[in-house]
Amino acid sequence: MNTLDLVPHGPVIPVIVLQRVADSVPLARALVAGGVKVLEITLRTPVALDCMRAIAQQVPEAIVGAGTIRSVADAQASLAAGCRFGVTPGYRPDIGRACRDIGLPLLPGVATASEVMAANADGYDFLKFFPATAAGGIPLLKALHGPFGDVVFCPTGGITPETAPQFLALPNVKVCGGSWLTPQEAVDRQDWARITALARAASELR
């Protein structure tokens, strides 16, 4: 799989932080029911890998990815847990090469023109723009389109349901990442119907 293969599945990739393994499968099923199949599970909690493994095994229609990959070991562990793609918050050539070597499609994070050049030089032309709003948002993405007309982005960080359509309207944006699809209070209450509704609304954004 190439990371660009993720694009047709929907305009928003949820950025998910899971605190309990028990929430992982029902959450994934709620998102899939709302039309969101590509799920980025972040490596920010001790149970993240177990959550990825549970979703990969029990929700086969979901496309599970690992977010917040910060080392080669993270990439290897994510692949072993059943992840089909990885996402980094920034770009390191050793991680880029390792992901290519082990067959884990990577969406590398960038925030500057220099980082775009580094990732592009290593063969990556679909990049995560992070933290999107703090790093310059729509004006910076428009500026990057000039020198990097062959590079496309998934902006993530600070994007809301209200601003997402503005990002998605840019010619160099294919999808965007969003944490609003899985609010922590809804997960804590196991309000899967609300998450399905948020997913359904996100699926209709473009």
Protein backbone atom coordinates (compact mmCIF):
# COMPACT_ATOMS: atom_id res chain seq x y z
CA MET A 1 0.00 0.00 0.00
CA ASN A 2 1.07 3.55 -0.75
CA THR A 3 -0.09 6.25 1.67
CA LEU A 4 -1.89 7.96 -1.22
CA ASP A 5 -4.13 4.88 -1.27
CA LEU A 6 -5.62 6.25 1.96
CA VAL A 7 -7.01 9.35 0.26
CA PRO A 8 -10.14 7.86 -1.40
CA HIS A 9 -11.35 6.55 1.96
CA GLY A 10 -12.33 9.98 3.17
CA PRO A 11 -11.32 13.56 3.70
CA VAL A 12 -10.49 13.24 7.42
CA ILE A 13 -8.15 10.86 9.24
CA PRO A 14 -8.97 10.80 12.96
CA VAL A 15 -6.02 11.26 15.31
CA ILE A 16 -6.89 8.94 18.19
CA VAL A 17 -5.49 8.78 21.73
CA LEU A 18 -6.68 5.67 23.57
CA GLN A 19 -6.35 5.24 27.32
CA ARG A 20 -8.04 1.80 27.61
CA VAL A 21 -7.78 -1.27 25.40
CA ALA A 22 -11.45 -2.00 26.07
CA ASP A 23 -12.43 1.18 24.19
CA SER A 24 -10.42 0.41 21.07
CA VAL A 25 -12.68 -2.00 19.19
CA PRO A 26 -16.03 -0.28 19.90
CA LEU A 27 -14.47 3.07 19.00
CA ALA A 28 -13.13 1.69 15.73
CA ARG A 29 -16.49 0.14 14.90
CA ALA A 30 -18.25 3.44 15.63
CA LEU A 31 -15.93 5.31 13.27
CA VAL A 32 -16.27 2.72 10.51
CA ALA A 33 -20.06 2.86 10.89
CA GLY A 34 -19.82 6.59 10.18
CA GLY A 35 -17.79 6.02 7.03
CA VAL A 36 -14.32 6.63 8.49
CA LYS A 37 -12.08 3.62 7.81
CA VAL A 38 -8.56 5.07 8.12
CA LEU A 39 -7.63 5.32 11.81
CA GLU A 40 -4.43 6.85 13.18
CA ILE A 41 -3.81 5.47 16.67
CA THR A 42 -1.14 7.56 18.36
CA LEU A 43 1.72 6.05 20.34
CA ARG A 44 1.06 8.41 23.24
CA THR A 45 -0.19 5.92 25.82
CA PRO A 46 1.17 2.66 27.23
CA VAL A 47 -1.75 0.71 25.73
CA ALA A 48 -1.47 2.10 22.20
CA LEU A 49 0.14 -0.97 20.62
CA ASP A 50 -2.38 -3.28 22.27
CA CYS A 51 -5.19 -1.08 20.95
CA MET A 52 -3.76 -1.20 17.43
CA ARG A 53 -3.46 -4.98 17.63
CA ALA A 54 -7.05 -5.38 18.86
CA ILE A 55 -8.49 -3.20 16.10
CA ALA A 56 -6.40 -4.84 13.38
CA GLN A 57 -7.60 -8.28 14.49
CA GLN A 58 -11.25 -7.54 15.27
CA VAL A 59 -12.22 -4.73 12.87
CA PRO A 60 -10.84 -5.92 9.53
CA GLU A 61 -12.61 -3.20 7.57
CA ALA A 62 -10.56 -0.55 9.40
CA ILE A 63 -7.18 0.56 8.04
CA VAL A 64 -5.08 0.95 11.17
CA GLY A 65 -2.11 3.30 11.25
CA ALA A 66 0.34 4.26 13.98
CA GLY A 67 0.82 7.93 14.81
CA THR A 68 3.58 9.62 16.76
CA ILE A 69 6.28 7.27 15.46
CA ARG A 70 9.50 8.76 16.80
CA SER A 71 12.01 5.95 16.32
CA VAL A 72 12.83 2.95 14.18
CA ALA A 73 11.74 0.76 17.10
CA ASP A 74 8.33 2.48 17.11
CA ALA A 75 7.94 1.70 13.40
CA GLN A 76 8.90 -1.95 13.87
CA ALA A 77 6.55 -2.40 16.84
CA SER A 78 3.68 -0.76 14.95
CA LEU A 79 4.11 -3.06 11.99
CA ALA A 80 4.20 -6.07 14.31
CA ALA A 81 0.95 -4.87 15.91
CA GLY A 82 -0.82 -5.00 12.55
CA CYS A 83 -0.55 -1.39 11.41
CA ARG A 84 -0.75 -0.77 7.68
CA PHE A 85 0.85 2.67 7.67
CA GLY A 86 2.78 4.98 9.98
CA VAL A 87 2.80 8.70 10.71
CA THR A 88 5.62 10.75 12.22
CA PRO A 89 5.36 14.21 13.83
CA GLY A 90 8.58 15.29 12.10
CA TYR A 91 11.03 13.82 9.62
CA ARG A 92 14.16 11.76 10.29
CA PRO A 93 15.90 10.07 7.35
CA ASP A 94 16.71 6.95 9.38
CA ILE A 95 13.03 6.40 10.14
CA GLY A 96 12.10 7.08 6.53
CA ARG A 97 14.60 4.51 5.30
CA ALA A 98 13.64 1.96 7.95
CA CYS A 99 9.95 2.19 7.09
CA ARG A 100 10.78 1.63 3.45
CA ASP A 101 12.99 -1.36 4.35
CA ILE A 102 10.34 -3.07 6.50
CA GLY A 103 7.48 -2.27 4.14
CA LEU A 104 5.56 0.18 6.35
CA PRO A 105 4.08 2.99 4.23
CA LEU A 106 4.96 6.28 5.90
CA LEU A 107 3.30 9.69 6.10
CA PRO A 108 6.21 11.81 7.37
CA GLY A 109 5.63 14.98 9.32
CA VAL A 110 7.03 18.32 8.15
CA ALA A 111 6.60 21.95 9.19
CA THR A 112 9.15 23.83 7.03
CA ALA A 113 10.39 24.01 3.46
CA SER A 114 13.70 22.42 4.53
CA GLU A 115 11.86 19.43 6.00
CA VAL A 116 9.77 19.10 2.84
CA MET A 117 13.00 18.98 0.83
CA ALA A 118 14.54 16.36 3.11
CA ALA A 119 11.51 14.08 2.97
CA ASN A 120 11.08 14.64 -0.75
CA ALA A 121 14.73 13.77 -1.38
CA ASP A 122 14.08 10.41 0.29
CA GLY A 123 11.18 9.69 -2.03
CA TYR A 124 8.24 10.97 0.04
CA ASP A 125 5.81 13.28 -1.74
CA PHE A 126 2.71 12.86 0.46
CA LEU A 127 3.49 14.52 3.78
CA LYS A 128 1.83 15.34 7.08
CA PHE A 129 1.92 19.10 7.72
CA PHE A 130 2.16 19.41 11.50
CA PRO A 131 1.30 21.30 13.63
CA ALA A 132 -0.79 22.76 10.86
CA THR A 133 -2.40 25.79 12.49
CA ALA A 134 0.56 26.71 14.70
CA ALA A 135 3.08 26.29 11.86
CA GLY A 136 1.38 28.68 9.48
CA GLY A 137 -1.84 27.02 8.40
CA ILE A 138 -3.42 27.80 5.06
CA PRO A 139 -1.07 30.71 4.15
CA LEU A 140 2.00 28.47 4.53
CA LEU A 141 0.43 25.63 2.56
CA LYS A 142 -0.35 28.10 -0.24
CA ALA A 143 3.25 29.33 -0.15
CA LEU A 144 4.64 25.78 -0.27
CA HIS A 145 2.56 24.96 -3.34
CA GLY A 146 4.76 27.20 -5.52
CA PRO A 147 8.15 25.52 -5.09
CA PHE A 148 6.67 22.11 -4.26
CA GLY A 149 3.93 21.69 -6.82
CA ASP A 150 4.49 17.93 -6.89
CA VAL A 151 4.07 17.49 -3.11
CA VAL A 152 0.72 17.01 -1.37
CA PHE A 153 -0.14 17.25 2.30
CA CYS A 154 -2.29 16.00 5.14
CA PRO A 155 -2.47 18.99 7.50
CA THR A 156 -2.96 17.99 11.14
CA GLY A 157 -3.03 19.96 14.37
CA GLY A 158 -5.54 22.59 15.41
CA ILE A 159 -7.97 21.84 12.58
CA THR A 160 -11.68 21.99 13.41
CA PRO A 161 -14.87 20.95 11.57
CA GLU A 162 -15.24 24.63 10.65
CA THR A 163 -11.73 25.10 9.21
CA ALA A 164 -11.30 21.66 7.66
CA PRO A 165 -13.20 22.54 4.43
CA GLN A 166 -10.86 25.53 3.93
CA PHE A 167 -7.80 23.28 4.17
CA LEU A 168 -9.39 20.62 1.95
CA ALA A 169 -10.08 23.22 -0.74
CA LEU A 170 -6.35 23.80 -1.28
CA PRO A 171 -4.90 22.12 -4.38
CA ASN A 172 -2.02 20.55 -2.42
CA VAL A 173 -4.18 19.09 0.38
CA LYS A 174 -5.57 15.58 -0.09
CA VAL A 175 -6.95 14.86 3.39
CA CYS A 176 -6.62 16.37 6.85
CA GLY A 177 -6.13 14.94 10.31
CA GLY A 178 -8.53 15.70 13.12
CA SER A 179 -8.89 14.86 16.78
CA TRP A 180 -12.45 16.20 17.01
CA LEU A 181 -13.89 12.89 15.78
CA THR A 182 -13.05 11.16 19.05
CA PRO A 183 -13.58 13.62 21.93
CA GLN A 184 -12.30 12.17 25.19
CA GLU A 185 -15.53 12.79 27.05
CA ALA A 186 -17.47 10.78 24.48
CA VAL A 187 -14.99 7.92 24.72
CA ASP A 188 -15.13 8.02 28.53
CA ARG A 189 -18.93 7.78 28.39
CA GLN A 190 -18.73 5.14 25.67
CA ASP A 191 -21.02 7.34 23.57
CA TRP A 192 -20.34 5.46 20.37
CA ALA A 193 -23.43 6.90 18.68
CA ARG A 194 -22.00 10.40 19.01
CA ILE A 195 -18.69 9.29 17.52
CA THR A 196 -20.50 7.66 14.60
CA ALA A 197 -22.36 10.92 14.02
CA LEU A 198 -19.12 12.92 14.10
CA ALA A 199 -17.53 10.47 11.67
CA ARG A 200 -20.49 10.70 9.33
CA ALA A 201 -20.30 14.50 9.34
CA ALA A 202 -16.56 14.39 8.69
CA SER A 203 -17.07 12.00 5.77
CA GLU A 204 -19.25 14.62 4.09
CA LEU A 205 -16.88 17.56 4.53
CA ARG A 206 -15.19 17.66 1.13
